[in-house]
Amino acid sequence: MRSFFVCCAFSTVLVIGCEIKNDAEVSTETVTITPNAPSMEARPAEVGVGLKGQSLKNETGIGKAIAQPAVVLFQTKEKVAFEILIPQALALYKASEGHAPESHAEFMEKIIKFNQIKLPKLPDGQEYQYRPDDEKLWVQPIESNP
């Protein structure tokens, strides 16, 4: 039974992933790949803001099949940080202190650093910013001072 499934999987890969092209069919078109420009608008820190895995999302064909597990790994790490670890640490802090952190510095010290939460690395030109008014972590462009 196992060999049947192996044969089916192998046949599927051959049929879907491998296509033999004649020289006449090969495109001579050049493709320029540009990295995704970071969004310049503030947005909540959520799955997909991290730098890791961004370049792998554009893969197609067999490259996508190879890259997808890595993309899922990076997205899972972001989901754990943003949807489990930070809300839990924030709730514990609010329960023990009676209030949410009142500044970005306090949030980074008492929530992120104290709980050893590893935030995903952001693309160049972006930074994390805690907003005490809505008690959420945001990603925003780095403000440059002229």
N, C-alpha and C. Protein backbone atom coordinates (compact mmCIF):
# COMPACT_ATOMS: atom_id res chain seq x y z
N MET A 1 0.83 -1.19 0.00
CA MET A 1 0.00 0.00 0.00
C MET A 1 0.88 1.26 0.00
N ARG A 2 1.96 1.21 0.78
CA ARG A 2 2.86 2.36 0.87
C ARG A 2 3.49 2.63 -0.49
N SER A 3 3.90 1.58 -1.20
CA SER A 3 4.53 1.78 -2.51
C SER A 3 3.54 2.39 -3.49
N PHE A 4 2.26 2.08 -3.34
CA PHE A 4 1.24 2.67 -4.20
C PHE A 4 1.21 4.18 -4.02
N PHE A 5 1.23 4.65 -2.76
CA PHE A 5 1.21 6.08 -2.49
C PHE A 5 2.48 6.76 -2.96
N VAL A 6 3.61 6.11 -2.81
CA VAL A 6 4.87 6.67 -3.28
C VAL A 6 4.83 6.82 -4.80
N CYS A 7 4.34 5.81 -5.49
CA CYS A 7 4.22 5.87 -6.95
C CYS A 7 3.28 6.99 -7.38
N CYS A 8 2.16 7.13 -6.67
CA CYS A 8 1.20 8.19 -6.99
C CYS A 8 1.83 9.57 -6.78
N ALA A 9 2.52 9.74 -5.66
CA ALA A 9 3.16 11.02 -5.37
C ALA A 9 4.22 11.34 -6.41
N PHE A 10 5.04 10.36 -6.75
CA PHE A 10 6.09 10.55 -7.75
C PHE A 10 5.49 10.89 -9.10
N SER A 11 4.42 10.21 -9.48
CA SER A 11 3.77 10.48 -10.76
C SER A 11 3.18 11.88 -10.79
N THR A 12 2.60 12.30 -9.68
CA THR A 12 2.02 13.65 -9.59
C THR A 12 3.10 14.70 -9.76
N VAL A 13 4.23 14.51 -9.10
CA VAL A 13 5.33 15.47 -9.22
C VAL A 13 5.81 15.54 -10.66
N LEU A 14 5.92 14.39 -11.30
CA LEU A 14 6.38 14.38 -12.69
C LEU A 14 5.41 15.10 -13.60
N VAL A 15 4.12 14.85 -13.40
CA VAL A 15 3.12 15.43 -14.29
C VAL A 15 2.98 16.93 -14.04
N ILE A 16 2.93 17.35 -12.79
CA ILE A 16 2.69 18.75 -12.46
C ILE A 16 3.96 19.58 -12.49
N GLY A 17 5.02 19.09 -11.85
CA GLY A 17 6.20 19.91 -11.64
C GLY A 17 7.24 19.86 -12.73
N CYS A 18 7.24 18.90 -13.55
CA CYS A 18 8.28 18.76 -14.56
C CYS A 18 7.67 18.92 -15.94
N GLU A 19 8.10 19.92 -16.63
CA GLU A 19 7.61 20.14 -17.98
C GLU A 19 8.82 20.32 -18.88
N ILE A 20 8.94 19.51 -19.90
CA ILE A 20 10.05 19.60 -20.83
C ILE A 20 9.66 20.56 -21.94
N LYS A 21 10.52 21.56 -22.17
CA LYS A 21 10.24 22.55 -23.20
C LYS A 21 11.27 22.41 -24.31
N ASN A 22 10.80 22.60 -25.52
CA ASN A 22 11.70 22.66 -26.65
C ASN A 22 12.43 23.99 -26.63
N ASP A 23 13.57 24.07 -27.29
CA ASP A 23 14.32 25.32 -27.31
C ASP A 23 13.51 26.46 -27.90
N ALA A 24 12.63 26.14 -28.83
CA ALA A 24 11.82 27.17 -29.47
C ALA A 24 10.81 27.77 -28.50
N GLU A 25 10.44 27.02 -27.47
CA GLU A 25 9.43 27.49 -26.53
C GLU A 25 10.01 28.31 -25.39
N VAL A 26 11.30 28.28 -25.20
CA VAL A 26 11.93 28.97 -24.08
C VAL A 26 11.92 30.46 -24.35
N SER A 27 11.44 31.22 -23.39
CA SER A 27 11.35 32.66 -23.52
C SER A 27 12.72 33.30 -23.35
N THR A 28 12.99 34.32 -24.15
CA THR A 28 14.24 35.07 -24.02
C THR A 28 14.00 36.38 -23.28
N GLU A 29 12.83 36.55 -22.75
CA GLU A 29 12.46 37.75 -22.02
C GLU A 29 13.23 37.83 -20.70
N THR A 30 13.76 38.99 -20.38
CA THR A 30 14.46 39.16 -19.11
C THR A 30 13.49 39.68 -18.08
N VAL A 31 13.67 39.22 -16.88
CA VAL A 31 12.79 39.61 -15.78
C VAL A 31 13.61 40.32 -14.73
N THR A 32 13.17 41.48 -14.34
CA THR A 32 13.84 42.23 -13.29
C THR A 32 13.09 42.00 -11.99
N ILE A 33 13.80 41.55 -10.99
CA ILE A 33 13.18 41.29 -9.69
C ILE A 33 13.57 42.43 -8.76
N THR A 34 12.56 43.07 -8.20
CA THR A 34 12.82 44.13 -7.24
C THR A 34 12.24 43.70 -5.91
N PRO A 35 12.96 43.96 -4.82
CA PRO A 35 12.43 43.58 -3.52
C PRO A 35 11.18 44.36 -3.20
N ASN A 36 10.33 43.75 -2.39
CA ASN A 36 9.10 44.42 -1.98
C ASN A 36 9.45 45.68 -1.20
N ALA A 37 8.92 46.79 -1.63
CA ALA A 37 9.14 48.03 -0.91
C ALA A 37 8.33 47.99 0.38
N PRO A 38 8.93 48.39 1.49
CA PRO A 38 8.17 48.36 2.73
C PRO A 38 7.02 49.36 2.69
N SER A 39 5.93 48.96 3.27
CA SER A 39 4.78 49.83 3.34
C SER A 39 5.13 51.05 4.19
N MET A 40 4.75 52.21 3.74
CA MET A 40 5.10 53.43 4.46
C MET A 40 3.95 53.93 5.32
N GLU A 41 2.96 53.11 5.53
CA GLU A 41 1.85 53.47 6.41
C GLU A 41 1.94 52.64 7.67
N ALA A 42 1.55 53.24 8.79
CA ALA A 42 1.52 52.50 10.05
C ALA A 42 0.44 51.43 9.97
N ARG A 43 0.75 50.26 10.53
CA ARG A 43 -0.22 49.16 10.55
C ARG A 43 0.02 48.34 11.80
N PRO A 44 -0.99 47.62 12.25
CA PRO A 44 -0.80 46.78 13.45
C PRO A 44 0.28 45.72 13.20
N ALA A 45 1.01 45.38 14.24
CA ALA A 45 2.00 44.31 14.15
C ALA A 45 1.23 42.99 14.09
N GLU A 46 1.31 42.33 12.96
CA GLU A 46 0.58 41.08 12.76
C GLU A 46 1.37 40.19 11.81
N VAL A 47 0.87 39.01 11.57
CA VAL A 47 1.55 38.06 10.69
C VAL A 47 1.77 38.70 9.33
N GLY A 48 3.01 38.61 8.85
CA GLY A 48 3.34 39.14 7.53
C GLY A 48 4.17 40.40 7.55
N VAL A 49 4.39 41.01 8.72
CA VAL A 49 5.19 42.24 8.77
C VAL A 49 6.68 41.96 8.82
N GLY A 50 7.07 40.77 9.23
CA GLY A 50 8.48 40.43 9.38
C GLY A 50 9.21 40.33 8.05
N LEU A 51 10.52 40.50 8.10
CA LEU A 51 11.36 40.45 6.91
C LEU A 51 11.58 39.03 6.41
N LYS A 52 11.74 38.09 7.33
CA LYS A 52 12.02 36.71 6.93
C LYS A 52 10.85 36.11 6.17
N GLY A 53 11.18 35.47 5.07
CA GLY A 53 10.18 34.79 4.27
C GLY A 53 9.54 35.65 3.20
N GLN A 54 9.77 36.96 3.21
CA GLN A 54 9.13 37.84 2.22
C GLN A 54 9.56 37.48 0.79
N SER A 55 10.86 37.22 0.60
CA SER A 55 11.35 36.92 -0.75
C SER A 55 10.88 35.55 -1.23
N LEU A 56 10.51 34.67 -0.31
CA LEU A 56 10.08 33.33 -0.69
C LEU A 56 8.63 33.28 -1.15
N LYS A 57 7.85 34.30 -0.85
CA LYS A 57 6.43 34.31 -1.19
C LYS A 57 6.18 34.41 -2.69
N ASN A 58 7.17 34.87 -3.45
CA ASN A 58 6.99 35.06 -4.89
C ASN A 58 7.38 33.84 -5.71
N GLU A 59 7.78 32.77 -5.06
CA GLU A 59 8.20 31.57 -5.78
C GLU A 59 7.00 30.92 -6.47
N THR A 60 7.28 30.26 -7.58
CA THR A 60 6.23 29.55 -8.31
C THR A 60 6.72 28.15 -8.65
N GLY A 61 5.81 27.30 -9.02
CA GLY A 61 6.16 25.95 -9.44
C GLY A 61 6.81 25.14 -8.34
N ILE A 62 7.86 24.42 -8.69
CA ILE A 62 8.54 23.56 -7.74
C ILE A 62 9.25 24.39 -6.66
N GLY A 63 9.67 25.61 -7.02
CA GLY A 63 10.29 26.50 -6.04
C GLY A 63 9.33 26.84 -4.91
N LYS A 64 8.06 26.99 -5.24
CA LYS A 64 7.05 27.27 -4.22
C LYS A 64 6.89 26.09 -3.28
N ALA A 65 6.93 24.88 -3.85
CA ALA A 65 6.79 23.68 -3.02
C ALA A 65 7.97 23.55 -2.05
N ILE A 66 9.13 23.98 -2.48
CA ILE A 66 10.31 23.92 -1.63
C ILE A 66 10.30 25.04 -0.60
N ALA A 67 9.89 26.24 -1.00
CA ALA A 67 9.93 27.41 -0.13
C ALA A 67 8.77 27.47 0.87
N GLN A 68 7.64 26.86 0.56
CA GLN A 68 6.44 26.99 1.38
C GLN A 68 6.64 26.58 2.84
N PRO A 69 7.34 25.48 3.14
CA PRO A 69 7.54 25.15 4.56
C PRO A 69 8.29 26.24 5.33
N ALA A 70 9.24 26.90 4.69
CA ALA A 70 9.97 27.98 5.35
C ALA A 70 9.05 29.18 5.59
N VAL A 71 8.22 29.50 4.61
CA VAL A 71 7.27 30.61 4.75
C VAL A 71 6.32 30.33 5.91
N VAL A 72 5.82 29.12 5.98
CA VAL A 72 4.90 28.74 7.06
C VAL A 72 5.60 28.82 8.42
N LEU A 73 6.85 28.40 8.49
CA LEU A 73 7.61 28.49 9.74
C LEU A 73 7.72 29.93 10.21
N PHE A 74 8.11 30.85 9.32
CA PHE A 74 8.25 32.25 9.70
C PHE A 74 6.91 32.86 10.09
N GLN A 75 5.84 32.51 9.37
CA GLN A 75 4.51 33.02 9.70
C GLN A 75 4.04 32.49 11.06
N THR A 76 4.36 31.24 11.35
CA THR A 76 3.97 30.65 12.64
C THR A 76 4.68 31.35 13.78
N LYS A 77 5.96 31.64 13.61
CA LYS A 77 6.70 32.36 14.66
C LYS A 77 6.10 33.74 14.89
N GLU A 78 5.72 34.43 13.82
CA GLU A 78 5.10 35.74 13.96
C GLU A 78 3.74 35.63 14.65
N LYS A 79 2.96 34.63 14.27
CA LYS A 79 1.64 34.43 14.87
C LYS A 79 1.76 34.17 16.37
N VAL A 80 2.71 33.34 16.75
CA VAL A 80 2.92 33.04 18.18
C VAL A 80 3.28 34.31 18.93
N ALA A 81 4.20 35.10 18.38
CA ALA A 81 4.62 36.33 19.06
C ALA A 81 3.47 37.33 19.17
N PHE A 82 2.81 37.62 18.05
CA PHE A 82 1.81 38.69 18.01
C PHE A 82 0.45 38.30 18.58
N GLU A 83 0.07 37.02 18.48
CA GLU A 83 -1.28 36.63 18.88
C GLU A 83 -1.33 35.80 20.16
N ILE A 84 -0.18 35.34 20.64
CA ILE A 84 -0.19 34.54 21.87
C ILE A 84 0.69 35.17 22.94
N LEU A 85 1.99 35.31 22.67
CA LEU A 85 2.92 35.76 23.69
C LEU A 85 2.67 37.19 24.16
N ILE A 86 2.54 38.12 23.23
CA ILE A 86 2.35 39.52 23.62
C ILE A 86 1.02 39.73 24.33
N PRO A 87 -0.12 39.25 23.81
CA PRO A 87 -1.38 39.44 24.54
C PRO A 87 -1.36 38.80 25.94
N GLN A 88 -0.75 37.62 26.05
CA GLN A 88 -0.68 36.97 27.36
C GLN A 88 0.20 37.77 28.32
N ALA A 89 1.35 38.22 27.86
CA ALA A 89 2.24 39.01 28.71
C ALA A 89 1.58 40.34 29.10
N LEU A 90 0.88 40.95 28.16
CA LEU A 90 0.18 42.20 28.45
C LEU A 90 -0.93 42.00 29.47
N ALA A 91 -1.68 40.92 29.35
CA ALA A 91 -2.75 40.63 30.31
C ALA A 91 -2.18 40.39 31.71
N LEU A 92 -1.09 39.65 31.79
CA LEU A 92 -0.45 39.41 33.10
C LEU A 92 0.07 40.70 33.70
N TYR A 93 0.66 41.55 32.88
CA TYR A 93 1.17 42.83 33.37
C TYR A 93 0.02 43.70 33.89
N LYS A 94 -1.07 43.76 33.11
CA LYS A 94 -2.22 44.57 33.53
C LYS A 94 -2.82 44.03 34.83
N ALA A 95 -2.84 42.72 34.98
CA ALA A 95 -3.40 42.12 36.20
C ALA A 95 -2.53 42.43 37.41
N SER A 96 -1.22 42.41 37.24
CA SER A 96 -0.33 42.64 38.38
C SER A 96 -0.12 44.12 38.69
N GLU A 97 -0.13 44.97 37.66
CA GLU A 97 0.14 46.40 37.86
C GLU A 97 -1.13 47.24 37.94
N GLY A 98 -2.23 46.72 37.44
CA GLY A 98 -3.48 47.46 37.46
C GLY A 98 -3.67 48.40 36.28
N HIS A 99 -2.71 48.43 35.38
CA HIS A 99 -2.82 49.27 34.18
C HIS A 99 -1.90 48.72 33.09
N ALA A 100 -2.16 49.14 31.87
CA ALA A 100 -1.31 48.75 30.75
C ALA A 100 -0.06 49.63 30.75
N PRO A 101 0.98 49.23 30.06
CA PRO A 101 2.16 50.11 29.95
C PRO A 101 1.75 51.47 29.41
N GLU A 102 2.36 52.51 29.96
CA GLU A 102 1.96 53.87 29.61
C GLU A 102 2.84 54.51 28.56
N SER A 103 3.88 53.81 28.09
CA SER A 103 4.74 54.35 27.04
C SER A 103 5.37 53.20 26.25
N HIS A 104 5.96 53.57 25.13
CA HIS A 104 6.64 52.57 24.30
C HIS A 104 7.82 51.98 25.07
N ALA A 105 8.58 52.82 25.74
CA ALA A 105 9.74 52.34 26.49
C ALA A 105 9.33 51.36 27.59
N GLU A 106 8.26 51.66 28.30
CA GLU A 106 7.77 50.77 29.35
C GLU A 106 7.29 49.45 28.76
N PHE A 107 6.61 49.50 27.62
CA PHE A 107 6.14 48.28 26.95
C PHE A 107 7.32 47.40 26.55
N MET A 108 8.31 48.01 25.93
CA MET A 108 9.47 47.24 25.48
C MET A 108 10.22 46.63 26.67
N GLU A 109 10.33 47.36 27.75
CA GLU A 109 11.06 46.87 28.93
C GLU A 109 10.26 45.82 29.70
N LYS A 110 9.01 46.12 30.02
CA LYS A 110 8.21 45.27 30.91
C LYS A 110 7.50 44.12 30.20
N ILE A 111 7.24 44.26 28.92
CA ILE A 111 6.53 43.20 28.19
C ILE A 111 7.50 42.40 27.33
N ILE A 112 8.16 43.07 26.41
CA ILE A 112 9.01 42.37 25.44
C ILE A 112 10.29 41.85 26.09
N LYS A 113 11.05 42.73 26.71
CA LYS A 113 12.34 42.31 27.28
C LYS A 113 12.15 41.39 28.48
N PHE A 114 11.25 41.72 29.39
CA PHE A 114 11.04 40.91 30.60
C PHE A 114 10.60 39.49 30.26
N ASN A 115 9.73 39.36 29.25
CA ASN A 115 9.21 38.04 28.86
C ASN A 115 10.05 37.37 27.77
N GLN A 116 11.13 38.00 27.38
CA GLN A 116 12.06 37.47 26.38
C GLN A 116 11.36 37.10 25.08
N ILE A 117 10.49 38.00 24.64
CA ILE A 117 9.76 37.80 23.38
C ILE A 117 10.65 38.31 22.25
N LYS A 118 10.85 37.47 21.26
CA LYS A 118 11.66 37.84 20.09
C LYS A 118 10.73 38.35 19.00
N LEU A 119 10.80 39.65 18.76
CA LEU A 119 9.99 40.24 17.70
C LEU A 119 10.66 39.99 16.36
N PRO A 120 9.88 39.72 15.32
CA PRO A 120 10.47 39.50 13.99
C PRO A 120 11.20 40.75 13.50
N LYS A 121 12.31 40.55 12.81
CA LYS A 121 13.06 41.65 12.22
C LYS A 121 12.20 42.27 11.13
N LEU A 122 12.18 43.60 11.12
CA LEU A 122 11.38 44.34 10.15
C LEU A 122 12.23 44.77 8.96
N PRO A 123 11.60 45.01 7.81
CA PRO A 123 12.34 45.55 6.67
C PRO A 123 12.94 46.91 7.02
N ASP A 124 13.99 47.29 6.30
CA ASP A 124 14.62 48.60 6.52
C ASP A 124 13.59 49.71 6.40
N GLY A 125 13.72 50.70 7.26
CA GLY A 125 12.82 51.85 7.22
C GLY A 125 11.57 51.69 8.06
N GLN A 126 11.46 50.58 8.81
CA GLN A 126 10.29 50.37 9.65
C GLN A 126 10.74 50.07 11.08
N GLU A 127 9.86 50.38 12.03
CA GLU A 127 10.14 50.11 13.43
C GLU A 127 8.84 49.76 14.15
N TYR A 128 9.01 49.12 15.31
CA TYR A 128 7.86 48.82 16.17
C TYR A 128 7.56 50.05 17.02
N GLN A 129 6.28 50.28 17.29
CA GLN A 129 5.88 51.37 18.15
C GLN A 129 4.64 50.93 18.93
N TYR A 130 4.74 50.94 20.25
CA TYR A 130 3.59 50.61 21.11
C TYR A 130 2.75 51.86 21.27
N ARG A 131 1.44 51.70 21.13
CA ARG A 131 0.51 52.82 21.31
C ARG A 131 -0.32 52.56 22.56
N PRO A 132 -0.09 53.35 23.61
CA PRO A 132 -0.82 53.13 24.88
C PRO A 132 -2.32 53.37 24.77
N ASP A 133 -2.76 54.22 23.83
CA ASP A 133 -4.19 54.52 23.72
C ASP A 133 -5.02 53.31 23.30
N ASP A 134 -4.47 52.45 22.44
CA ASP A 134 -5.21 51.24 22.06
C ASP A 134 -4.54 49.96 22.57
N GLU A 135 -3.45 50.12 23.32
CA GLU A 135 -2.72 49.00 23.93
C GLU A 135 -2.31 47.96 22.90
N LYS A 136 -1.80 48.43 21.75
CA LYS A 136 -1.36 47.53 20.69
C LYS A 136 0.02 47.93 20.18
N LEU A 137 0.69 46.94 19.63
CA LEU A 137 1.98 47.16 19.00
C LEU A 137 1.75 47.41 17.52
N TRP A 138 2.39 48.44 16.99
CA TRP A 138 2.24 48.82 15.59
C TRP A 138 3.59 48.76 14.89
N VAL A 139 3.54 48.70 13.57
CA VAL A 139 4.73 48.82 12.73
C VAL A 139 4.54 50.11 11.95
N GLN A 140 5.56 50.97 11.99
CA GLN A 140 5.44 52.26 11.31
C GLN A 140 6.77 52.62 10.67
N PRO A 141 6.73 53.54 9.70
CA PRO A 141 7.98 53.98 9.10
C PRO A 141 8.82 54.74 10.13
N ILE A 142 10.13 54.61 10.00
CA ILE A 142 11.03 55.34 10.89
C ILE A 142 10.98 56.80 10.50
N GLU A 143 10.75 57.63 11.49
CA GLU A 143 10.69 59.07 11.24
C GLU A 143 12.11 59.61 11.21
N SER A 144 12.46 60.26 10.11
CA SER A 144 13.80 60.84 10.02
C SER A 144 13.73 62.32 10.37
N ASN A 145 14.68 62.75 11.15
CA ASN A 145 14.74 64.14 11.55
C ASN A 145 15.68 64.89 10.60
N PRO A 146 15.18 65.94 9.92
CA PRO A 146 16.03 66.67 8.97
C PRO A 146 17.11 67.47 9.66
